[in-house]
Amino acid sequence: MTFVVTESCIRCKYTDCVDVCPVDAFREGPNFLVIDPADCIDCAVCVPECPVSAIYAEEDVPKDQRDFTPLNAELALVWKPITRTKPALPDADAWSAVQDKRDQLER
């Protein structure tokens, strides 16, 4: 099993989840984070740290967000690890309530 970062993270990229990950499974893109399924140990400590509720256990990913499971695996292969908290994106608070923002994902 693994955990999956979903659409709510796009254009927010809060990194509260990164500090608590015991295996450094997070990868950082320009405006989104993903979890490397090869590194994730299914500990769930990242879930309550996400202020936008973007992280789900693989089996609990909402039906309309399931495409993020393979997307996390794909992008984890090319994005670099992030191991420390960084400031959120400058307009993260404004984007945190926006839905349907897949088109905003920068690869």
PDB file of N, CA and C in Angstrom:
ATOM      1  N   MET A   1       0.833  -1.192   0.000  1.00  0.00           N
ATOM      2  CA  MET A   1       0.000   0.000   0.000  1.00  0.00           C
ATOM      3  C   MET A   1       0.874   1.251   0.000  1.00  0.00           C
ATOM      4  N   THR A   2       0.289   2.313  -0.416  1.00  0.00           N
ATOM      5  CA  THR A   2       0.982   3.593  -0.423  1.00  0.00           C
ATOM      6  C   THR A   2      -0.027   4.701  -0.163  1.00  0.00           C
ATOM      7  N   PHE A   3       0.473   5.869   0.038  1.00  0.00           N
ATOM      8  CA  PHE A   3      -0.376   7.047   0.160  1.00  0.00           C
ATOM      9  C   PHE A   3      -0.219   7.869  -1.109  1.00  0.00           C
ATOM     10  N   VAL A   4      -1.244   8.648  -1.412  1.00  0.00           N
ATOM     11  CA  VAL A   4      -1.322   9.359  -2.687  1.00  0.00           C
ATOM     12  C   VAL A   4      -1.665  10.824  -2.425  1.00  0.00           C
ATOM     13  N   VAL A   5      -0.952  11.722  -3.081  1.00  0.00           N
ATOM     14  CA  VAL A   5      -1.270  13.145  -3.032  1.00  0.00           C
ATOM     15  C   VAL A   5      -2.234  13.425  -4.181  1.00  0.00           C
ATOM     16  N   THR A   6      -3.319  14.135  -3.869  1.00  0.00           N
ATOM     17  CA  THR A   6      -4.358  14.372  -4.866  1.00  0.00           C
ATOM     18  C   THR A   6      -4.469  15.857  -5.229  1.00  0.00           C
ATOM     19  N   GLU A   7      -5.481  16.164  -5.988  1.00  0.00           N
ATOM     20  CA  GLU A   7      -5.670  17.469  -6.618  1.00  0.00           C
ATOM     21  C   GLU A   7      -5.598  18.670  -5.674  1.00  0.00           C
ATOM     22  N   SER A   8      -6.033  18.526  -4.443  1.00  0.00           N
ATOM     23  CA  SER A   8      -6.047  19.666  -3.513  1.00  0.00           C
ATOM     24  C   SER A   8      -4.669  20.296  -3.326  1.00  0.00           C
ATOM     25  N   CYS A   9      -3.622  19.543  -3.562  1.00  0.00           N
ATOM     26  CA  CYS A   9      -2.254  20.041  -3.381  1.00  0.00           C
ATOM     27  C   CYS A   9      -1.816  20.983  -4.512  1.00  0.00           C
ATOM     28  N   ILE A  10      -2.424  20.864  -5.669  1.00  0.00           N
ATOM     29  CA  ILE A  10      -2.006  21.664  -6.817  1.00  0.00           C
ATOM     30  C   ILE A  10      -2.130  23.154  -6.510  1.00  0.00           C
ATOM     31  N   ARG A  11      -1.066  23.877  -6.783  1.00  0.00           N
ATOM     32  CA  ARG A  11      -0.946  25.329  -6.599  1.00  0.00           C
ATOM     33  C   ARG A  11      -0.943  25.758  -5.138  1.00  0.00           C
ATOM     34  N   CYS A  12      -0.884  24.792  -4.224  1.00  0.00           N
ATOM     35  CA  CYS A  12      -0.748  25.106  -2.798  1.00  0.00           C
ATOM     36  C   CYS A  12       0.646  24.684  -2.340  1.00  0.00           C
ATOM     37  N   LYS A  13       0.904  23.389  -2.481  1.00  0.00           N
ATOM     38  CA  LYS A  13       2.195  22.793  -2.140  1.00  0.00           C
ATOM     39  C   LYS A  13       2.639  23.149  -0.719  1.00  0.00           C
ATOM     40  N   TYR A  14       1.713  22.954   0.219  1.00  0.00           N
ATOM     41  CA  TYR A  14       2.102  23.055   1.625  1.00  0.00           C
ATOM     42  C   TYR A  14       3.012  21.869   1.902  1.00  0.00           C
ATOM     43  N   THR A  15       4.050  22.069   2.664  1.00  0.00           N
ATOM     44  CA  THR A  15       5.023  20.990   2.871  1.00  0.00           C
ATOM     45  C   THR A  15       5.071  20.493   4.316  1.00  0.00           C
ATOM     46  N   ASP A  16       4.014  20.732   5.058  1.00  0.00           N
ATOM     47  CA  ASP A  16       3.943  20.250   6.441  1.00  0.00           C
ATOM     48  C   ASP A  16       4.146  18.732   6.511  1.00  0.00           C
ATOM     49  N   CYS A  17       3.683  18.034   5.493  1.00  0.00           N
ATOM     50  CA  CYS A  17       3.748  16.580   5.429  1.00  0.00           C
ATOM     51  C   CYS A  17       5.173  16.048   5.298  1.00  0.00           C
ATOM     52  N   VAL A  18       6.029  16.835   4.716  1.00  0.00           N
ATOM     53  CA  VAL A  18       7.384  16.400   4.393  1.00  0.00           C
ATOM     54  C   VAL A  18       8.220  16.122   5.648  1.00  0.00           C
ATOM     55  N   ASP A  19       8.151  17.003   6.618  1.00  0.00           N
ATOM     56  CA  ASP A  19       8.963  16.852   7.833  1.00  0.00           C
ATOM     57  C   ASP A  19       8.658  15.586   8.613  1.00  0.00           C
ATOM     58  N   VAL A  20       7.432  15.125   8.568  1.00  0.00           N
ATOM     59  CA  VAL A  20       7.056  13.966   9.375  1.00  0.00           C
ATOM     60  C   VAL A  20       7.301  12.630   8.683  1.00  0.00           C
ATOM     61  N   CYS A  21       7.597  12.659   7.406  1.00  0.00           N
ATOM     62  CA  CYS A  21       7.798  11.407   6.662  1.00  0.00           C
ATOM     63  C   CYS A  21       9.104  10.742   7.100  1.00  0.00           C
ATOM     64  N   PRO A  22       9.020   9.544   7.680  1.00  0.00           N
ATOM     65  CA  PRO A  22      10.231   8.895   8.187  1.00  0.00           C
ATOM     66  C   PRO A  22      11.138   8.307   7.112  1.00  0.00           C
ATOM     67  N   VAL A  23      10.652   8.225   5.875  1.00  0.00           N
ATOM     68  CA  VAL A  23      11.452   7.620   4.803  1.00  0.00           C
ATOM     69  C   VAL A  23      11.704   8.561   3.628  1.00  0.00           C
ATOM     70  N   ASP A  24      11.377   9.838   3.780  1.00  0.00           N
ATOM     71  CA  ASP A  24      11.596  10.828   2.712  1.00  0.00           C
ATOM     72  C   ASP A  24      10.986  10.387   1.382  1.00  0.00           C
ATOM     73  N   ALA A  25       9.708  10.038   1.420  1.00  0.00           N
ATOM     74  CA  ALA A  25       9.018   9.541   0.228  1.00  0.00           C
ATOM     75  C   ALA A  25       8.433  10.643  -0.651  1.00  0.00           C
ATOM     76  N   PHE A  26       8.469  11.882  -0.199  1.00  0.00           N
ATOM     77  CA  PHE A  26       7.883  12.968  -0.988  1.00  0.00           C
ATOM     78  C   PHE A  26       8.833  13.446  -2.075  1.00  0.00           C
ATOM     79  N   ARG A  27       8.238  13.821  -3.209  1.00  0.00           N
ATOM     80  CA  ARG A  27       8.968  14.392  -4.331  1.00  0.00           C
ATOM     81  C   ARG A  27       8.312  15.730  -4.659  1.00  0.00           C
ATOM     82  N   GLU A  28       9.138  16.679  -5.110  1.00  0.00           N
ATOM     83  CA  GLU A  28       8.656  18.034  -5.329  1.00  0.00           C
ATOM     84  C   GLU A  28       8.683  18.436  -6.786  1.00  0.00           C
ATOM     85  N   GLY A  29       7.535  18.923  -7.255  1.00  0.00           N
ATOM     86  CA  GLY A  29       7.432  19.513  -8.573  1.00  0.00           C
ATOM     87  C   GLY A  29       7.236  21.008  -8.435  1.00  0.00           C
ATOM     88  N   PRO A  30       7.045  21.704  -9.537  1.00  0.00           N
ATOM     89  CA  PRO A  30       6.911  23.158  -9.494  1.00  0.00           C
ATOM     90  C   PRO A  30       5.756  23.656  -8.623  1.00  0.00           C
ATOM     91  N   ASN A  31       4.600  22.957  -8.674  1.00  0.00           N
ATOM     92  CA  ASN A  31       3.461  23.422  -7.879  1.00  0.00           C
ATOM     93  C   ASN A  31       2.638  22.285  -7.285  1.00  0.00           C
ATOM     94  N   PHE A  32       3.306  21.171  -6.995  1.00  0.00           N
ATOM     95  CA  PHE A  32       2.615  19.971  -6.521  1.00  0.00           C
ATOM     96  C   PHE A  32       3.636  19.043  -5.881  1.00  0.00           C
ATOM     97  N   LEU A  33       3.202  18.265  -4.925  1.00  0.00           N
ATOM     98  CA  LEU A  33       4.038  17.220  -4.327  1.00  0.00           C
ATOM     99  C   LEU A  33       3.454  15.868  -4.693  1.00  0.00           C
ATOM    100  N   VAL A  34       4.286  14.846  -4.743  1.00  0.00           N
ATOM    101  CA  VAL A  34       3.822  13.472  -4.906  1.00  0.00           C
ATOM    102  C   VAL A  34       4.530  12.600  -3.890  1.00  0.00           C
ATOM    103  N   ILE A  35       3.992  11.410  -3.709  1.00  0.00           N
ATOM    104  CA  ILE A  35       4.605  10.416  -2.833  1.00  0.00           C
ATOM    105  C   ILE A  35       5.113   9.284  -3.707  1.00  0.00           C
ATOM    106  N   ASP A  36       6.355   8.913  -3.510  1.00  0.00           N
ATOM    107  CA  ASP A  36       6.943   7.803  -4.255  1.00  0.00           C
ATOM    108  C   ASP A  36       6.419   6.500  -3.657  1.00  0.00           C
ATOM    109  N   PRO A  37       5.644   5.737  -4.417  1.00  0.00           N
ATOM    110  CA  PRO A  37       5.082   4.503  -3.869  1.00  0.00           C
ATOM    111  C   PRO A  37       6.144   3.459  -3.539  1.00  0.00           C
ATOM    112  N   ALA A  38       7.310   3.562  -4.153  1.00  0.00           N
ATOM    113  CA  ALA A  38       8.383   2.612  -3.858  1.00  0.00           C
ATOM    114  C   ALA A  38       9.006   2.877  -2.492  1.00  0.00           C
ATOM    115  N   ASP A  39       8.902   4.114  -2.023  1.00  0.00           N
ATOM    116  CA  ASP A  39       9.498   4.474  -0.733  1.00  0.00           C
ATOM    117  C   ASP A  39       8.493   4.530   0.414  1.00  0.00           C
ATOM    118  N   CYS A  40       7.235   4.807   0.105  1.00  0.00           N
ATOM    119  CA  CYS A  40       6.207   4.961   1.137  1.00  0.00           C
ATOM    120  C   CYS A  40       6.048   3.661   1.929  1.00  0.00           C
ATOM    121  N   ILE A  41       6.031   3.790   3.260  1.00  0.00           N
ATOM    122  CA  ILE A  41       5.884   2.611   4.117  1.00  0.00           C
ATOM    123  C   ILE A  41       4.491   2.517   4.739  1.00  0.00           C
ATOM    124  N   ASP A  42       3.573   3.319   4.229  1.00  0.00           N
ATOM    125  CA  ASP A  42       2.172   3.234   4.646  1.00  0.00           C
ATOM    126  C   ASP A  42       1.977   3.544   6.135  1.00  0.00           C
ATOM    127  N   CYS A  43       2.723   4.527   6.628  1.00  0.00           N
ATOM    128  CA  CYS A  43       2.644   4.837   8.062  1.00  0.00           C
ATOM    129  C   CYS A  43       1.537   5.830   8.401  1.00  0.00           C
ATOM    130  N   ALA A  44       1.087   6.617   7.436  1.00  0.00           N
ATOM    131  CA  ALA A  44      -0.024   7.562   7.579  1.00  0.00           C
ATOM    132  C   ALA A  44       0.272   8.809   8.399  1.00  0.00           C
ATOM    133  N   VAL A  45       1.507   9.036   8.807  1.00  0.00           N
ATOM    134  CA  VAL A  45       1.783  10.228   9.620  1.00  0.00           C
ATOM    135  C   VAL A  45       1.636  11.519   8.823  1.00  0.00           C
ATOM    136  N   CYS A  46       1.712  11.449   7.519  1.00  0.00           N
ATOM    137  CA  CYS A  46       1.581  12.651   6.686  1.00  0.00           C
ATOM    138  C   CYS A  46       0.137  13.129   6.561  1.00  0.00           C
ATOM    139  N   VAL A  47      -0.803  12.232   6.660  1.00  0.00           N
ATOM    140  CA  VAL A  47      -2.209  12.565   6.404  1.00  0.00           C
ATOM    141  C   VAL A  47      -2.724  13.713   7.273  1.00  0.00           C
ATOM    142  N   PRO A  48      -2.595  13.653   8.585  1.00  0.00           N
ATOM    143  CA  PRO A  48      -3.134  14.752   9.397  1.00  0.00           C
ATOM    144  C   PRO A  48      -2.350  16.054   9.276  1.00  0.00           C
ATOM    145  N   GLU A  49      -1.158  16.010   8.704  1.00  0.00           N
ATOM    146  CA  GLU A  49      -0.339  17.211   8.559  1.00  0.00           C
ATOM    147  C   GLU A  49      -0.751  18.077   7.375  1.00  0.00           C
ATOM    148  N   CYS A  50      -1.486  17.513   6.433  1.00  0.00           N
ATOM    149  CA  CYS A  50      -1.858  18.244   5.219  1.00  0.00           C
ATOM    150  C   CYS A  50      -3.024  19.189   5.502  1.00  0.00           C
ATOM    151  N   PRO A  51      -2.795  20.499   5.395  1.00  0.00           N
ATOM    152  CA  PRO A  51      -3.859  21.455   5.706  1.00  0.00           C
ATOM    153  C   PRO A  51      -4.995  21.505   4.679  1.00  0.00           C
ATOM    154  N   VAL A  52      -4.797  20.875   3.518  1.00  0.00           N
ATOM    155  CA  VAL A  52      -5.851  20.869   2.501  1.00  0.00           C
ATOM    156  C   VAL A  52      -6.415  19.465   2.253  1.00  0.00           C
ATOM    157  N   SER A  53      -6.082  18.536   3.124  1.00  0.00           N
ATOM    158  CA  SER A  53      -6.597  17.156   3.041  1.00  0.00           C
ATOM    159  C   SER A  53      -6.383  16.538   1.664  1.00  0.00           C
ATOM    160  N   ALA A  54      -5.167  16.656   1.169  1.00  0.00           N
ATOM    161  CA  ALA A  54      -4.850  16.159  -0.172  1.00  0.00           C
ATOM    162  C   ALA A  54      -4.294  14.738  -0.177  1.00  0.00           C
ATOM    163  N   ILE A  55      -3.988  14.170   1.002  1.00  0.00           N
ATOM    164  CA  ILE A  55      -3.311  12.876   1.056  1.00  0.00           C
ATOM    165  C   ILE A  55      -4.276  11.787   1.523  1.00  0.00           C
ATOM    166  N   TYR A  56      -4.307  10.700   0.746  1.00  0.00           N
ATOM    167  CA  TYR A  56      -5.191   9.570   1.054  1.00  0.00           C
ATOM    168  C   TYR A  56      -4.417   8.263   0.969  1.00  0.00           C
ATOM    169  N   ALA A  57      -4.856   7.285   1.734  1.00  0.00           N
ATOM    170  CA  ALA A  57      -4.375   5.926   1.530  1.00  0.00           C
ATOM    171  C   ALA A  57      -4.842   5.498   0.141  1.00  0.00           C
ATOM    172  N   GLU A  58      -4.035   4.733  -0.535  1.00  0.00           N
ATOM    173  CA  GLU A  58      -4.343   4.341  -1.910  1.00  0.00           C
ATOM    174  C   GLU A  58      -5.756   3.768  -2.048  1.00  0.00           C
ATOM    175  N   GLU A  59      -6.164   2.950  -1.109  1.00  0.00           N
ATOM    176  CA  GLU A  59      -7.481   2.324  -1.196  1.00  0.00           C
ATOM    177  C   GLU A  59      -8.628   3.296  -0.868  1.00  0.00           C
ATOM    178  N   ASP A  60      -8.292   4.459  -0.319  1.00  0.00           N
ATOM    179  CA  ASP A  60      -9.316   5.438   0.062  1.00  0.00           C
ATOM    180  C   ASP A  60      -9.370   6.663  -0.851  1.00  0.00           C
ATOM    181  N   VAL A  61      -8.572   6.678  -1.892  1.00  0.00           N
ATOM    182  CA  VAL A  61      -8.573   7.819  -2.810  1.00  0.00           C
ATOM    183  C   VAL A  61      -9.982   7.939  -3.404  1.00  0.00           C
ATOM    184  N   PRO A  62     -10.583   9.135  -3.336  1.00  0.00           N
ATOM    185  CA  PRO A  62     -11.923   9.308  -3.909  1.00  0.00           C
ATOM    186  C   PRO A  62     -11.955   8.904  -5.380  1.00  0.00           C
ATOM    187  N   LYS A  63     -13.088   8.412  -5.803  1.00  0.00           N
ATOM    188  CA  LYS A  63     -13.246   7.890  -7.162  1.00  0.00           C
ATOM    189  C   LYS A  63     -12.795   8.903  -8.222  1.00  0.00           C
ATOM    190  N   ASP A  64     -13.142  10.178  -8.025  1.00  0.00           N
ATOM    191  CA  ASP A  64     -12.797  11.178  -9.029  1.00  0.00           C
ATOM    192  C   ASP A  64     -11.337  11.629  -8.952  1.00  0.00           C
ATOM    193  N   GLN A  65     -10.573  11.061  -8.033  1.00  0.00           N
ATOM    194  CA  GLN A  65      -9.162  11.416  -7.859  1.00  0.00           C
ATOM    195  C   GLN A  65      -8.226  10.228  -8.127  1.00  0.00           C
ATOM    196  N   ARG A  66      -8.773   9.115  -8.524  1.00  0.00           N
ATOM    197  CA  ARG A  66      -7.961   7.885  -8.676  1.00  0.00           C
ATOM    198  C   ARG A  66      -6.870   7.993  -9.726  1.00  0.00           C
ATOM    199  N   ASP A  67      -7.007   8.915 -10.661  1.00  0.00           N
ATOM    200  CA  ASP A  67      -5.950   9.087 -11.658  1.00  0.00           C
ATOM    201  C   ASP A  67      -4.675   9.645 -11.032  1.00  0.00           C
ATOM    202  N   PHE A  68      -4.765  10.136  -9.800  1.00  0.00           N
ATOM    203  CA  PHE A  68      -3.581  10.638  -9.115  1.00  0.00           C
ATOM    204  C   PHE A  68      -2.688   9.511  -8.586  1.00  0.00           C
ATOM    205  N   THR A  69      -3.210   8.309  -8.474  1.00  0.00           N
ATOM    206  CA  THR A  69      -2.378   7.186  -8.017  1.00  0.00           C
ATOM    207  C   THR A  69      -1.275   6.897  -9.034  1.00  0.00           C
ATOM    208  N   PRO A  70      -1.592   6.650 -10.301  1.00  0.00           N
ATOM    209  CA  PRO A  70      -0.507   6.453 -11.267  1.00  0.00           C
ATOM    210  C   PRO A  70       0.300   7.727 -11.522  1.00  0.00           C
ATOM    211  N   LEU A  71      -0.333   8.885 -11.387  1.00  0.00           N
ATOM    212  CA  LEU A  71       0.384  10.141 -11.588  1.00  0.00           C
ATOM    213  C   LEU A  71       1.472  10.321 -10.533  1.00  0.00           C
ATOM    214  N   ASN A  72       1.178   9.988  -9.266  1.00  0.00           N
ATOM    215  CA  ASN A  72       2.196  10.069  -8.215  1.00  0.00           C
ATOM    216  C   ASN A  72       3.375   9.167  -8.566  1.00  0.00           C
ATOM    217  N   ALA A  73       3.085   7.945  -8.997  1.00  0.00           N
ATOM    218  CA  ALA A  73       4.150   6.996  -9.346  1.00  0.00           C
ATOM    219  C   ALA A  73       4.978   7.508 -10.523  1.00  0.00           C
ATOM    220  N   GLU A  74       4.320   8.049 -11.515  1.00  0.00           N
ATOM    221  CA  GLU A  74       5.012   8.566 -12.707  1.00  0.00           C
ATOM    222  C   GLU A  74       5.920   9.744 -12.355  1.00  0.00           C
ATOM    223  N   LEU A  75       5.383  10.731 -11.655  1.00  0.00           N
ATOM    224  CA  LEU A  75       6.157  11.932 -11.362  1.00  0.00           C
ATOM    225  C   LEU A  75       7.241  11.684 -10.319  1.00  0.00           C
ATOM    226  N   ALA A  76       7.039  10.709  -9.452  1.00  0.00           N
ATOM    227  CA  ALA A  76       8.054  10.378  -8.447  1.00  0.00           C
ATOM    228  C   ALA A  76       9.349   9.895  -9.094  1.00  0.00           C
ATOM    229  N   LEU A  77       9.244   9.379 -10.293  1.00  0.00           N
ATOM    230  CA  LEU A  77      10.434   8.902 -11.006  1.00  0.00           C
ATOM    231  C   LEU A  77      11.283  10.042 -11.556  1.00  0.00           C
ATOM    232  N   VAL A  78      10.686  11.219 -11.743  1.00  0.00           N
ATOM    233  CA  VAL A  78      11.426  12.318 -12.366  1.00  0.00           C
ATOM    234  C   VAL A  78      11.645  13.520 -11.436  1.00  0.00           C
ATOM    235  N   TRP A  79      10.813  13.674 -10.422  1.00  0.00           N
ATOM    236  CA  TRP A  79      10.974  14.798  -9.511  1.00  0.00           C
ATOM    237  C   TRP A  79      11.933  14.450  -8.388  1.00  0.00           C
ATOM    238  N   LYS A  80      12.594  15.453  -7.857  1.00  0.00           N
ATOM    239  CA  LYS A  80      13.594  15.253  -6.799  1.00  0.00           C
ATOM    240  C   LYS A  80      12.935  15.151  -5.426  1.00  0.00           C
ATOM    241  N   PRO A  81      13.582  14.416  -4.518  1.00  0.00           N
ATOM    242  CA  PRO A  81      13.058  14.316  -3.152  1.00  0.00           C
ATOM    243  C   PRO A  81      13.036  15.678  -2.450  1.00  0.00           C
ATOM    244  N   ILE A  82      12.060  15.845  -1.607  1.00  0.00           N
ATOM    245  CA  ILE A  82      11.991  17.002  -0.724  1.00  0.00           C
ATOM    246  C   ILE A  82      11.962  16.441   0.695  1.00  0.00           C
ATOM    247  N   THR A  83      12.861  16.925   1.531  1.00  0.00           N
ATOM    248  CA  THR A  83      13.005  16.343   2.871  1.00  0.00           C
ATOM    249  C   THR A  83      12.792  17.339   4.000  1.00  0.00           C
ATOM    250  N   ARG A  84      12.598  18.602   3.652  1.00  0.00           N
ATOM    251  CA  ARG A  84      12.387  19.631   4.669  1.00  0.00           C
ATOM    252  C   ARG A  84      11.230  20.534   4.263  1.00  0.00           C
ATOM    253  N   THR A  85      10.584  21.075   5.254  1.00  0.00           N
ATOM    254  CA  THR A  85       9.494  22.006   5.009  1.00  0.00           C
ATOM    255  C   THR A  85      10.020  23.268   4.342  1.00  0.00           C
ATOM    256  N   LYS A  86       9.259  23.743   3.380  1.00  0.00           N
ATOM    257  CA  LYS A  86       9.542  25.000   2.688  1.00  0.00           C
ATOM    258  C   LYS A  86       8.276  25.847   2.781  1.00  0.00           C
ATOM    259  N   PRO A  87       8.392  27.132   2.528  1.00  0.00           N
ATOM    260  CA  PRO A  87       7.172  27.953   2.501  1.00  0.00           C
ATOM    261  C   PRO A  87       6.230  27.473   1.390  1.00  0.00           C
ATOM    262  N   ALA A  88       4.939  27.575   1.653  1.00  0.00           N
ATOM    263  CA  ALA A  88       3.955  27.230   0.626  1.00  0.00           C
ATOM    264  C   ALA A  88       4.085  28.233  -0.521  1.00  0.00           C
ATOM    265  N   LEU A  89       3.447  27.932  -1.618  1.00  0.00           N
ATOM    266  CA  LEU A  89       3.462  28.858  -2.741  1.00  0.00           C
ATOM    267  C   LEU A  89       2.813  30.173  -2.309  1.00  0.00           C
ATOM    268  N   PRO A  90       3.234  31.293  -2.887  1.00  0.00           N
ATOM    269  CA  PRO A  90       2.760  32.607  -2.437  1.00  0.00           C
ATOM    270  C   PRO A  90       1.241  32.778  -2.416  1.00  0.00           C
ATOM    271  N   ASP A  91       0.553  32.160  -3.368  1.00  0.00           N
ATOM    272  CA  ASP A  91      -0.902  32.292  -3.422  1.00  0.00           C
ATOM    273  C   ASP A  91      -1.619  31.014  -2.982  1.00  0.00           C
ATOM    274  N   ALA A  92      -0.960  30.219  -2.150  1.00  0.00           N
ATOM    275  CA  ALA A  92      -1.503  28.929  -1.707  1.00  0.00           C
ATOM    276  C   ALA A  92      -2.848  29.067  -1.009  1.00  0.00           C
ATOM    277  N   ASP A  93      -2.968  30.045  -0.150  1.00  0.00           N
ATOM    278  CA  ASP A  93      -4.228  30.203   0.578  1.00  0.00           C
ATOM    279  C   ASP A  93      -5.392  30.471  -0.374  1.00  0.00           C
ATOM    280  N   ALA A  94      -5.165  31.245  -1.396  1.00  0.00           N
ATOM    281  CA  ALA A  94      -6.214  31.530  -2.372  1.00  0.00           C
ATOM    282  C   ALA A  94      -6.599  30.276  -3.162  1.00  0.00           C
ATOM    283  N   TRP A  95      -5.613  29.436  -3.461  1.00  0.00           N
ATOM    284  CA  TRP A  95      -5.867  28.225  -4.242  1.00  0.00           C
ATOM    285  C   TRP A  95      -6.376  27.055  -3.401  1.00  0.00           C
ATOM    286  N   SER A  96      -6.237  27.126  -2.087  1.00  0.00           N
ATOM    287  CA  SER A  96      -6.577  25.984  -1.243  1.00  0.00           C
ATOM    288  C   SER A  96      -8.051  25.574  -1.330  1.00  0.00           C
ATOM    289  N   ALA A  97      -8.935  26.491  -1.621  1.00  0.00           N
ATOM    290  CA  ALA A  97     -10.360  26.168  -1.711  1.00  0.00           C
ATOM    291  C   ALA A  97     -10.828  25.909  -3.143  1.00  0.00           C
ATOM    292  N   VAL A  98      -9.948  26.098  -4.108  1.00  0.00           N
ATOM    293  CA  VAL A  98     -10.315  25.908  -5.512  1.00  0.00           C
ATOM    294  C   VAL A  98     -10.382  24.419  -5.822  1.00  0.00           C
ATOM    295  N   GLN A  99     -11.429  24.038  -6.523  1.00  0.00           N
ATOM    296  CA  GLN A  99     -11.557  22.656  -6.980  1.00  0.00           C
ATOM    297  C   GLN A  99     -11.363  22.624  -8.489  1.00  0.00           C
ATOM    298  N   ASP A 100     -11.241  21.441  -9.034  1.00  0.00           N
ATOM    299  CA  ASP A 100     -11.061  21.278 -10.485  1.00  0.00           C
ATOM    300  C   ASP A 100      -9.881  22.087 -11.001  1.00  0.00           C
ATOM    301  N   LYS A 101      -8.706  21.783 -10.477  1.00  0.00           N
ATOM    302  CA  LYS A 101      -7.512  22.521 -10.888  1.00  0.00           C
ATOM    303  C   LYS A 101      -6.434  21.630 -11.509  1.00  0.00           C
ATOM    304  N   ARG A 102      -6.833  20.498 -12.039  1.00  0.00           N
ATOM    305  CA  ARG A 102      -5.880  19.601 -12.700  1.00  0.00           C
ATOM    306  C   ARG A 102      -5.122  20.311 -13.813  1.00  0.00           C
ATOM    307  N   ASP A 103      -5.805  21.205 -14.498  1.00  0.00           N
ATOM    308  CA  ASP A 103      -5.165  21.911 -15.606  1.00  0.00           C
ATOM    309  C   ASP A 103      -4.075  22.869 -15.137  1.00  0.00           C
ATOM    310  N   GLN A 104      -3.979  23.083 -13.843  1.00  0.00           N
ATOM    311  CA  GLN A 104      -2.958  23.967 -13.280  1.00  0.00           C
ATOM    312  C   GLN A 104      -1.667  23.212 -12.912  1.00  0.00           C
ATOM    313  N   LEU A 105      -1.692  21.894 -12.967  1.00  0.00           N
ATOM    314  CA  LEU A 105      -0.529  21.089 -12.604  1.00  0.00           C
ATOM    315  C   LEU A 105       0.619  21.324 -13.578  1.00  0.00           C
ATOM    316  N   GLU A 106       1.756  21.722 -13.034  1.00  0.00           N
ATOM    317  CA  GLU A 106       2.963  21.909 -13.828  1.00  0.00           C
ATOM    318  C   GLU A 106       3.869  20.706 -13.660  1.00  0.00           C
ATOM    319  N   ARG A 107       4.226  20.107 -14.760  1.00  0.00           N
ATOM    320  CA  ARG A 107       5.098  18.942 -14.707  1.00  0.00           C
ATOM    321  C   ARG A 107       6.526  19.359 -14.786  1.00  0.00           C
TER     322      ARG A 107
END
